[in-house]
Amino acid sequence: MESVDVLDGETREASAVPAADALVAALFAAEADRLVSLARFFVEDRTAAEDLVQEAFIRLSRTAHRIRDSERAAAYLRSIVINLARDHNRRGLVSLRHRPPAVLDEPSAEETAAARESRSEVVAALRTLPHRQRDCLVLRYYLDLPVEAIATTLGISANSVKTHLQRGMRTLATTLEERQ
């Protein structure tokens, strides 16, 4: 009987791997571009943002077989990206792979259109906010996530998210008024 239990365990583990790989592939197809855009709010360099997202998918792929609720996988992935971006900024790393500074990217048409002065001021003001307020505002107003999804992503209560959103908006409005 013991050999049957081991075999059953191996069979379950083996069947979990293709499902986990499919989950990671589906998340990559659906979320990769949005995650790079999300990471750009936290780091200046597009190459570093892409590296952060790549590292997030690598970390997810290592633990994807343990994910029970695939609906929460995207929130888990966003939290990985945010934590990696914080770590990147805290340590002052140029990139996760310790490469020399990247050559500045040629802006795409989309980036050129989005590079208006008012957007730059808002992003600069966002960067002055405390981490939780900034995280909540970016997830809410840039990724259009509902409060519950933000709470799941950041691992805090929905009421905390609402508080951070309210305080962040108040501080952001004051900061932007002062700059005019």
C-alpha atoms as a PDB file:
ATOM      1  CA  MET A   1       0.000   0.000   0.000  1.00  0.00           C
ATOM      2  CA  GLU A   2       2.806   2.451   0.733  1.00  0.00           C
ATOM      3  CA  SER A   3       4.120   2.241  -2.817  1.00  0.00           C
ATOM      4  CA  VAL A   4       0.623   3.027  -4.126  1.00  0.00           C
ATOM      5  CA  ASP A   5       0.429   6.137  -1.907  1.00  0.00           C
ATOM      6  CA  VAL A   6       3.792   7.340  -3.185  1.00  0.00           C
ATOM      7  CA  LEU A   7       2.748   6.672  -6.755  1.00  0.00           C
ATOM      8  CA  ASP A   8      -0.524   8.537  -6.229  1.00  0.00           C
ATOM      9  CA  GLY A   9       1.408  11.464  -4.731  1.00  0.00           C
ATOM     10  CA  GLU A  10       3.789  11.497  -7.681  1.00  0.00           C
ATOM     11  CA  THR A  11       0.887  11.326 -10.102  1.00  0.00           C
ATOM     12  CA  ARG A  12      -0.839  14.255  -8.422  1.00  0.00           C
ATOM     13  CA  GLU A  13       2.391  16.251  -8.407  1.00  0.00           C
ATOM     14  CA  ALA A  14       3.073  15.467 -12.072  1.00  0.00           C
ATOM     15  CA  SER A  15      -0.433  16.498 -13.100  1.00  0.00           C
ATOM     16  CA  ALA A  16      -0.098  19.768 -11.160  1.00  0.00           C
ATOM     17  CA  VAL A  17       2.959  20.853 -13.165  1.00  0.00           C
ATOM     18  CA  PRO A  18       1.251  21.173 -16.586  1.00  0.00           C
ATOM     19  CA  ALA A  19      -1.670  22.994 -14.971  1.00  0.00           C
ATOM     20  CA  ALA A  20       0.742  25.373 -13.218  1.00  0.00           C
ATOM     21  CA  ASP A  21       2.638  25.963 -16.472  1.00  0.00           C
ATOM     22  CA  ALA A  22      -0.630  26.688 -18.260  1.00  0.00           C
ATOM     23  CA  LEU A  23      -1.618  29.146 -15.520  1.00  0.00           C
ATOM     24  CA  VAL A  24       1.708  31.005 -15.782  1.00  0.00           C
ATOM     25  CA  ALA A  25       1.466  31.098 -19.591  1.00  0.00           C
ATOM     26  CA  ALA A  26      -2.100  32.410 -19.449  1.00  0.00           C
ATOM     27  CA  LEU A  27      -1.135  35.069 -16.908  1.00  0.00           C
ATOM     28  CA  PHE A  28       1.829  36.099 -19.034  1.00  0.00           C
ATOM     29  CA  ALA A  29      -0.368  36.538 -22.100  1.00  0.00           C
ATOM     30  CA  ALA A  30      -3.005  38.468 -20.165  1.00  0.00           C
ATOM     31  CA  GLU A  31      -0.960  40.538 -17.706  1.00  0.00           C
ATOM     32  CA  ALA A  32       2.654  41.031 -18.868  1.00  0.00           C
ATOM     33  CA  ASP A  33       2.195  44.382 -20.636  1.00  0.00           C
ATOM     34  CA  ARG A  34       0.082  45.812 -17.814  1.00  0.00           C
ATOM     35  CA  LEU A  35       2.637  44.659 -15.257  1.00  0.00           C
ATOM     36  CA  VAL A  36       5.470  46.395 -17.135  1.00  0.00           C
ATOM     37  CA  SER A  37       3.377  49.575 -17.126  1.00  0.00           C
ATOM     38  CA  LEU A  38       2.718  49.095 -13.418  1.00  0.00           C
ATOM     39  CA  ALA A  39       6.425  48.628 -12.707  1.00  0.00           C
ATOM     40  CA  ARG A  40       7.216  51.821 -14.662  1.00  0.00           C
ATOM     41  CA  PHE A  41       5.396  53.802 -11.961  1.00  0.00           C
ATOM     42  CA  PHE A  42       7.995  52.611  -9.488  1.00  0.00           C
ATOM     43  CA  VAL A  43      11.193  52.548 -11.572  1.00  0.00           C
ATOM     44  CA  GLU A  44      12.397  54.998 -14.181  1.00  0.00           C
ATOM     45  CA  ASP A  45      14.071  52.567 -16.574  1.00  0.00           C
ATOM     46  CA  ARG A  46      11.883  50.503 -18.928  1.00  0.00           C
ATOM     47  CA  THR A  47      14.483  47.744 -19.041  1.00  0.00           C
ATOM     48  CA  ALA A  48      14.446  47.510 -15.249  1.00  0.00           C
ATOM     49  CA  ALA A  49      10.639  47.372 -15.292  1.00  0.00           C
ATOM     50  CA  GLU A  50      10.738  44.523 -17.806  1.00  0.00           C
ATOM     51  CA  ASP A  51      13.334  42.731 -15.657  1.00  0.00           C
ATOM     52  CA  LEU A  52      11.102  43.116 -12.596  1.00  0.00           C
ATOM     53  CA  VAL A  53       8.166  41.585 -14.429  1.00  0.00           C
ATOM     54  CA  GLN A  54      10.323  38.770 -15.776  1.00  0.00           C
ATOM     55  CA  GLU A  55      11.593  38.042 -12.275  1.00  0.00           C
ATOM     56  CA  ALA A  56       8.010  38.094 -10.979  1.00  0.00           C
ATOM     57  CA  PHE A  57       7.000  35.445 -13.519  1.00  0.00           C
ATOM     58  CA  ILE A  58      10.046  33.356 -12.634  1.00  0.00           C
ATOM     59  CA  ARG A  59       9.086  33.484  -8.972  1.00  0.00           C
ATOM     60  CA  LEU A  60       5.471  32.703  -9.784  1.00  0.00           C
ATOM     61  CA  SER A  61       6.450  29.714 -11.915  1.00  0.00           C
ATOM     62  CA  ARG A  62       8.401  28.243  -8.995  1.00  0.00           C
ATOM     63  CA  THR A  63       5.342  28.290  -6.729  1.00  0.00           C
ATOM     64  CA  ALA A  64       2.458  28.112  -9.214  1.00  0.00           C
ATOM     65  CA  HIS A  65       1.795  24.451  -8.462  1.00  0.00           C
ATOM     66  CA  ARG A  66       0.783  25.514  -4.937  1.00  0.00           C
ATOM     67  CA  ILE A  67      -1.836  28.027  -6.082  1.00  0.00           C
ATOM     68  CA  ARG A  68      -5.286  26.755  -5.171  1.00  0.00           C
ATOM     69  CA  ASP A  69      -7.390  29.667  -6.441  1.00  0.00           C
ATOM     70  CA  SER A  70      -6.339  30.666  -9.945  1.00  0.00           C
ATOM     71  CA  GLU A  71      -8.593  33.743  -9.723  1.00  0.00           C
ATOM     72  CA  ARG A  72      -6.215  35.216  -7.126  1.00  0.00           C
ATOM     73  CA  ALA A  73      -3.054  34.439  -9.119  1.00  0.00           C
ATOM     74  CA  ALA A  74      -3.066  37.811 -10.929  1.00  0.00           C
ATOM     75  CA  ALA A  75      -3.290  39.660  -7.604  1.00  0.00           C
ATOM     76  CA  TYR A  76      -0.425  37.548  -6.261  1.00  0.00           C
ATOM     77  CA  LEU A  77       1.616  38.400  -9.362  1.00  0.00           C
ATOM     78  CA  ARG A  78       0.924  42.139  -8.979  1.00  0.00           C
ATOM     79  CA  SER A  79       2.065  41.982  -5.361  1.00  0.00           C
ATOM     80  CA  ILE A  80       5.297  40.278  -6.462  1.00  0.00           C
ATOM     81  CA  VAL A  81       5.949  43.082  -8.980  1.00  0.00           C
ATOM     82  CA  ILE A  82       5.277  45.795  -6.401  1.00  0.00           C
ATOM     83  CA  ASN A  83       7.536  44.129  -3.835  1.00  0.00           C
ATOM     84  CA  LEU A  84      10.318  43.657  -6.389  1.00  0.00           C
ATOM     85  CA  ALA A  85      10.009  47.323  -7.404  1.00  0.00           C
ATOM     86  CA  ARG A  86      10.291  48.396  -3.767  1.00  0.00           C
ATOM     87  CA  ASP A  87      13.320  46.181  -3.322  1.00  0.00           C
ATOM     88  CA  HIS A  88      14.838  47.572  -6.510  1.00  0.00           C
ATOM     89  CA  ASN A  89      14.406  51.146  -5.298  1.00  0.00           C
ATOM     90  CA  ARG A  90      15.462  50.428  -1.733  1.00  0.00           C
ATOM     91  CA  ARG A  91      18.750  48.931  -2.799  1.00  0.00           C
ATOM     92  CA  GLY A  92      19.324  51.429  -5.564  1.00  0.00           C
ATOM     93  CA  LEU A  93      19.865  48.652  -8.089  1.00  0.00           C
ATOM     94  CA  VAL A  94      20.167  49.539 -11.744  1.00  0.00           C
ATOM     95  CA  SER A  95      18.618  46.190 -12.613  1.00  0.00           C
ATOM     96  CA  LEU A  96      18.000  42.845 -10.995  1.00  0.00           C
ATOM     97  CA  ARG A  97      20.784  41.301 -13.069  1.00  0.00           C
ATOM     98  CA  HIS A  98      23.345  43.981 -12.051  1.00  0.00           C
ATOM     99  CA  ARG A  99      23.840  45.134 -15.608  1.00  0.00           C
ATOM    100  CA  PRO A 100      25.271  48.527 -16.456  1.00  0.00           C
ATOM    101  CA  PRO A 101      22.677  51.263 -17.082  1.00  0.00           C
ATOM    102  CA  ALA A 102      20.607  50.565 -20.158  1.00  0.00           C
ATOM    103  CA  VAL A 103      20.633  52.816 -23.169  1.00  0.00           C
ATOM    104  CA  LEU A 104      17.550  54.999 -23.101  1.00  0.00           C
ATOM    105  CA  ASP A 105      14.695  53.475 -25.053  1.00  0.00           C
ATOM    106  CA  GLU A 106      13.300  55.172 -28.079  1.00  0.00           C
ATOM    107  CA  PRO A 107       9.829  56.232 -26.950  1.00  0.00           C
ATOM    108  CA  SER A 108       6.983  54.454 -28.684  1.00  0.00           C
ATOM    109  CA  ALA A 109       4.025  56.349 -30.070  1.00  0.00           C
ATOM    110  CA  GLU A 110       2.038  55.298 -27.013  1.00  0.00           C
ATOM    111  CA  GLU A 111       4.718  56.521 -24.616  1.00  0.00           C
ATOM    112  CA  THR A 112       5.136  59.771 -26.515  1.00  0.00           C
ATOM    113  CA  ALA A 113       1.413  60.469 -26.311  1.00  0.00           C
ATOM    114  CA  ALA A 114       1.410  59.633 -22.600  1.00  0.00           C
ATOM    115  CA  ALA A 115       4.413  61.803 -21.811  1.00  0.00           C
ATOM    116  CA  ARG A 116       2.442  64.986 -21.429  1.00  0.00           C
ATOM    117  CA  GLU A 117       3.601  67.414 -18.776  1.00  0.00           C
ATOM    118  CA  SER A 118       0.541  66.962 -16.581  1.00  0.00           C
ATOM    119  CA  ARG A 119       1.093  63.196 -16.461  1.00  0.00           C
ATOM    120  CA  SER A 120       4.711  63.730 -15.470  1.00  0.00           C
ATOM    121  CA  GLU A 121       3.629  66.001 -12.646  1.00  0.00           C
ATOM    122  CA  VAL A 122       1.125  63.451 -11.387  1.00  0.00           C
ATOM    123  CA  VAL A 123       3.707  60.658 -11.490  1.00  0.00           C
ATOM    124  CA  ALA A 124       6.233  62.835  -9.676  1.00  0.00           C
ATOM    125  CA  ALA A 125       3.647  63.683  -7.037  1.00  0.00           C
ATOM    126  CA  LEU A 126       2.723  59.986  -6.706  1.00  0.00           C
ATOM    127  CA  ARG A 127       6.353  59.150  -5.985  1.00  0.00           C
ATOM    128  CA  THR A 128       6.347  61.482  -3.003  1.00  0.00           C
ATOM    129  CA  LEU A 129       3.487  59.625  -1.316  1.00  0.00           C
ATOM    130  CA  PRO A 130       4.024  56.950   1.335  1.00  0.00           C
ATOM    131  CA  HIS A 131       4.309  53.461  -0.178  1.00  0.00           C
ATOM    132  CA  ARG A 132       0.861  52.152   0.773  1.00  0.00           C
ATOM    133  CA  GLN A 133      -0.929  55.262  -0.462  1.00  0.00           C
ATOM    134  CA  ARG A 134       0.985  55.187  -3.748  1.00  0.00           C
ATOM    135  CA  ASP A 135       0.370  51.450  -4.197  1.00  0.00           C
ATOM    136  CA  CYS A 136      -3.356  51.851  -3.583  1.00  0.00           C
ATOM    137  CA  LEU A 137      -3.727  54.858  -5.899  1.00  0.00           C
ATOM    138  CA  VAL A 138      -1.802  53.250  -8.759  1.00  0.00           C
ATOM    139  CA  LEU A 139      -3.698  49.985  -8.500  1.00  0.00           C
ATOM    140  CA  ARG A 140      -7.058  51.770  -8.238  1.00  0.00           C
ATOM    141  CA  TYR A 141      -6.749  54.534 -10.808  1.00  0.00           C
ATOM    142  CA  TYR A 142      -4.159  53.164 -13.225  1.00  0.00           C
ATOM    143  CA  LEU A 143      -5.106  49.484 -13.327  1.00  0.00           C
ATOM    144  CA  ASP A 144      -8.785  50.195 -12.493  1.00  0.00           C
ATOM    145  CA  LEU A 145      -8.844  47.504  -9.819  1.00  0.00           C
ATOM    146  CA  PRO A 146     -11.725  47.393  -7.359  1.00  0.00           C
ATOM    147  CA  VAL A 147     -11.010  47.897  -3.661  1.00  0.00           C
ATOM    148  CA  GLU A 148     -11.301  44.176  -2.946  1.00  0.00           C
ATOM    149  CA  ALA A 149      -8.700  43.286  -5.603  1.00  0.00           C
ATOM    150  CA  ILE A 150      -6.320  45.919  -4.225  1.00  0.00           C
ATOM    151  CA  ALA A 151      -6.780  44.508  -0.730  1.00  0.00           C
ATOM    152  CA  THR A 152      -5.990  41.017  -2.020  1.00  0.00           C
ATOM    153  CA  THR A 153      -2.947  42.244  -3.951  1.00  0.00           C
ATOM    154  CA  LEU A 154      -1.471  44.143  -1.015  1.00  0.00           C
ATOM    155  CA  GLY A 155      -2.604  41.739   1.697  1.00  0.00           C
ATOM    156  CA  ILE A 156      -4.488  44.374   3.679  1.00  0.00           C
ATOM    157  CA  SER A 157      -8.153  44.901   4.533  1.00  0.00           C
ATOM    158  CA  ALA A 158     -10.579  46.675   2.211  1.00  0.00           C
ATOM    159  CA  ASN A 159     -11.089  49.392   4.847  1.00  0.00           C
ATOM    160  CA  SER A 160      -7.337  50.019   4.939  1.00  0.00           C
ATOM    161  CA  VAL A 161      -7.346  50.361   1.165  1.00  0.00           C
ATOM    162  CA  LYS A 162     -10.161  52.929   1.363  1.00  0.00           C
ATOM    163  CA  THR A 163      -8.272  54.874   4.039  1.00  0.00           C
ATOM    164  CA  HIS A 164      -5.045  54.869   1.990  1.00  0.00           C
ATOM    165  CA  LEU A 165      -6.960  55.953  -1.115  1.00  0.00           C
ATOM    166  CA  GLN A 166      -8.633  58.829   0.710  1.00  0.00           C
ATOM    167  CA  ARG A 167      -5.433  60.058   2.354  1.00  0.00           C
ATOM    168  CA  GLY A 168      -3.436  59.611  -0.841  1.00  0.00           C
ATOM    169  CA  MET A 169      -5.922  61.581  -2.930  1.00  0.00           C
ATOM    170  CA  ARG A 170      -5.981  64.376  -0.373  1.00  0.00           C
ATOM    171  CA  THR A 171      -2.173  64.573  -0.265  1.00  0.00           C
ATOM    172  CA  LEU A 172      -1.890  64.273  -4.046  1.00  0.00           C
ATOM    173  CA  ALA A 173      -4.366  67.123  -4.586  1.00  0.00           C
ATOM    174  CA  THR A 174      -2.475  69.352  -2.133  1.00  0.00           C
ATOM    175  CA  THR A 175       0.872  68.540  -3.755  1.00  0.00           C
ATOM    176  CA  LEU A 176      -0.390  69.221  -7.283  1.00  0.00           C
ATOM    177  CA  GLU A 177      -2.036  72.506  -6.229  1.00  0.00           C
ATOM    178  CA  GLU A 178       1.226  73.683  -4.699  1.00  0.00           C
ATOM    179  CA  ARG A 179       3.109  72.977  -7.934  1.00  0.00           C
ATOM    180  CA  GLN A 180       0.780  75.178 -10.019  1.00  0.00           C
END
